[in-house]
N, C-alpha and C. Protein backbone atom coordinates (compact mmCIF):
# COMPACT_ATOMS: atom_id res chain seq x y z
N MET A 1 0.83 -1.21 0.00
CA MET A 1 0.00 0.00 0.00
C MET A 1 0.87 1.26 0.00
N ILE A 2 1.88 1.28 0.84
CA ILE A 2 2.73 2.48 0.91
C ILE A 2 3.53 2.64 -0.40
N ARG A 3 3.95 1.52 -0.99
CA ARG A 3 4.73 1.59 -2.21
C ARG A 3 3.89 2.11 -3.38
N ARG A 4 2.61 1.73 -3.40
CA ARG A 4 1.74 2.12 -4.52
C ARG A 4 1.22 3.54 -4.38
N ARG A 5 0.82 3.93 -3.18
CA ARG A 5 0.20 5.26 -2.98
C ARG A 5 0.84 5.98 -1.79
N PRO A 6 2.02 6.58 -2.01
CA PRO A 6 2.69 7.24 -0.88
C PRO A 6 1.92 8.45 -0.36
N LEU A 7 1.29 9.20 -1.26
CA LEU A 7 0.55 10.39 -0.83
C LEU A 7 -0.65 10.03 0.01
N LEU A 8 -1.36 9.01 -0.40
CA LEU A 8 -2.54 8.57 0.36
C LEU A 8 -2.13 8.07 1.74
N SER A 9 -1.02 7.36 1.81
CA SER A 9 -0.55 6.85 3.10
C SER A 9 -0.18 7.98 4.04
N VAL A 10 0.51 8.99 3.52
CA VAL A 10 0.89 10.14 4.34
C VAL A 10 -0.36 10.87 4.83
N PHE A 11 -1.33 11.05 3.94
CA PHE A 11 -2.57 11.73 4.30
C PHE A 11 -3.32 10.97 5.39
N LEU A 12 -3.38 9.64 5.26
CA LEU A 12 -4.08 8.84 6.26
C LEU A 12 -3.36 8.89 7.60
N LEU A 13 -2.03 8.90 7.58
CA LEU A 13 -1.27 9.00 8.83
C LEU A 13 -1.51 10.34 9.50
N LEU A 14 -1.53 11.42 8.71
CA LEU A 14 -1.80 12.75 9.27
C LEU A 14 -3.21 12.81 9.86
N LEU A 15 -4.17 12.25 9.15
CA LEU A 15 -5.55 12.25 9.62
C LEU A 15 -5.67 11.47 10.93
N ALA A 16 -5.00 10.31 11.00
CA ALA A 16 -5.03 9.51 12.22
C ALA A 16 -4.40 10.28 13.38
N GLY A 17 -3.29 10.99 13.10
CA GLY A 17 -2.64 11.78 14.14
C GLY A 17 -3.53 12.90 14.64
N LEU A 18 -4.21 13.57 13.73
CA LEU A 18 -5.12 14.66 14.13
C LEU A 18 -6.29 14.12 14.96
N LEU A 19 -6.82 12.99 14.55
CA LEU A 19 -7.93 12.39 15.31
C LEU A 19 -7.47 11.99 16.71
N LEU A 20 -6.25 11.48 16.81
CA LEU A 20 -5.71 11.09 18.11
C LEU A 20 -5.53 12.31 19.00
N LEU A 21 -5.01 13.40 18.43
CA LEU A 21 -4.84 14.63 19.21
C LEU A 21 -6.19 15.19 19.65
N ALA A 22 -7.16 15.18 18.75
CA ALA A 22 -8.49 15.70 19.09
C ALA A 22 -9.13 14.84 20.19
N TRP A 23 -8.92 13.53 20.14
CA TRP A 23 -9.49 12.65 21.15
C TRP A 23 -8.84 12.90 22.51
N GLN A 24 -7.52 13.13 22.51
CA GLN A 24 -6.82 13.38 23.77
C GLN A 24 -7.23 14.73 24.37
N ASN A 25 -7.56 15.69 23.53
CA ASN A 25 -7.91 17.04 24.00
C ASN A 25 -9.40 17.31 23.93
N ARG A 26 -10.23 16.26 23.90
CA ARG A 26 -11.67 16.46 23.70
C ARG A 26 -12.31 17.27 24.82
N VAL A 27 -11.80 17.18 26.02
CA VAL A 27 -12.37 17.95 27.13
C VAL A 27 -12.13 19.44 26.90
N HIS A 28 -10.89 19.78 26.50
CA HIS A 28 -10.56 21.18 26.24
C HIS A 28 -11.31 21.70 25.02
N LEU A 29 -11.43 20.86 23.98
CA LEU A 29 -12.14 21.28 22.77
C LEU A 29 -13.63 21.48 23.07
N ALA A 30 -14.19 20.69 23.96
CA ALA A 30 -15.60 20.84 24.31
C ALA A 30 -15.83 22.13 25.08
N ALA A 31 -14.84 22.58 25.86
CA ALA A 31 -14.97 23.80 26.65
C ALA A 31 -14.73 25.05 25.80
N PHE A 32 -14.15 24.88 24.62
CA PHE A 32 -13.74 26.03 23.81
C PHE A 32 -14.89 26.98 23.44
N PRO A 33 -16.06 26.49 22.96
CA PRO A 33 -17.14 27.43 22.63
C PRO A 33 -17.59 28.27 23.82
N GLY A 34 -17.59 27.68 25.00
CA GLY A 34 -17.96 28.43 26.20
C GLY A 34 -16.96 29.53 26.51
N ILE A 35 -15.69 29.26 26.29
CA ILE A 35 -14.64 30.26 26.52
C ILE A 35 -14.82 31.42 25.55
N VAL A 36 -15.06 31.11 24.29
CA VAL A 36 -15.24 32.15 23.28
C VAL A 36 -16.47 32.99 23.60
N GLY A 37 -17.56 32.32 24.00
CA GLY A 37 -18.77 33.05 24.36
C GLY A 37 -18.56 33.96 25.55
N ALA A 38 -17.87 33.49 26.55
CA ALA A 38 -17.61 34.31 27.74
C ALA A 38 -16.71 35.49 27.40
N TYR A 39 -15.74 35.27 26.55
CA TYR A 39 -14.82 36.34 26.17
C TYR A 39 -15.53 37.42 25.37
N SER A 40 -16.39 37.00 24.43
CA SER A 40 -17.09 37.98 23.60
C SER A 40 -18.13 38.73 24.43
N ALA A 41 -18.71 38.10 25.44
CA ALA A 41 -19.68 38.76 26.29
C ALA A 41 -18.99 39.80 27.19
N LYS A 42 -17.74 39.53 27.54
CA LYS A 42 -16.98 40.43 28.40
C LYS A 42 -16.60 41.70 27.64
N GLU A 43 -16.36 41.57 26.35
CA GLU A 43 -15.89 42.71 25.54
C GLU A 43 -16.95 43.79 25.39
């Protein structure tokens, strides 16, 4: 697979890495809209 489609393999690896990061930071990402709302309300 890697020999035939190097670009697709790199893209899939990057996507998997991003999903892993998002899963590890899901608590912070879930709190993000509340932070933005509080900040804009303060302004």
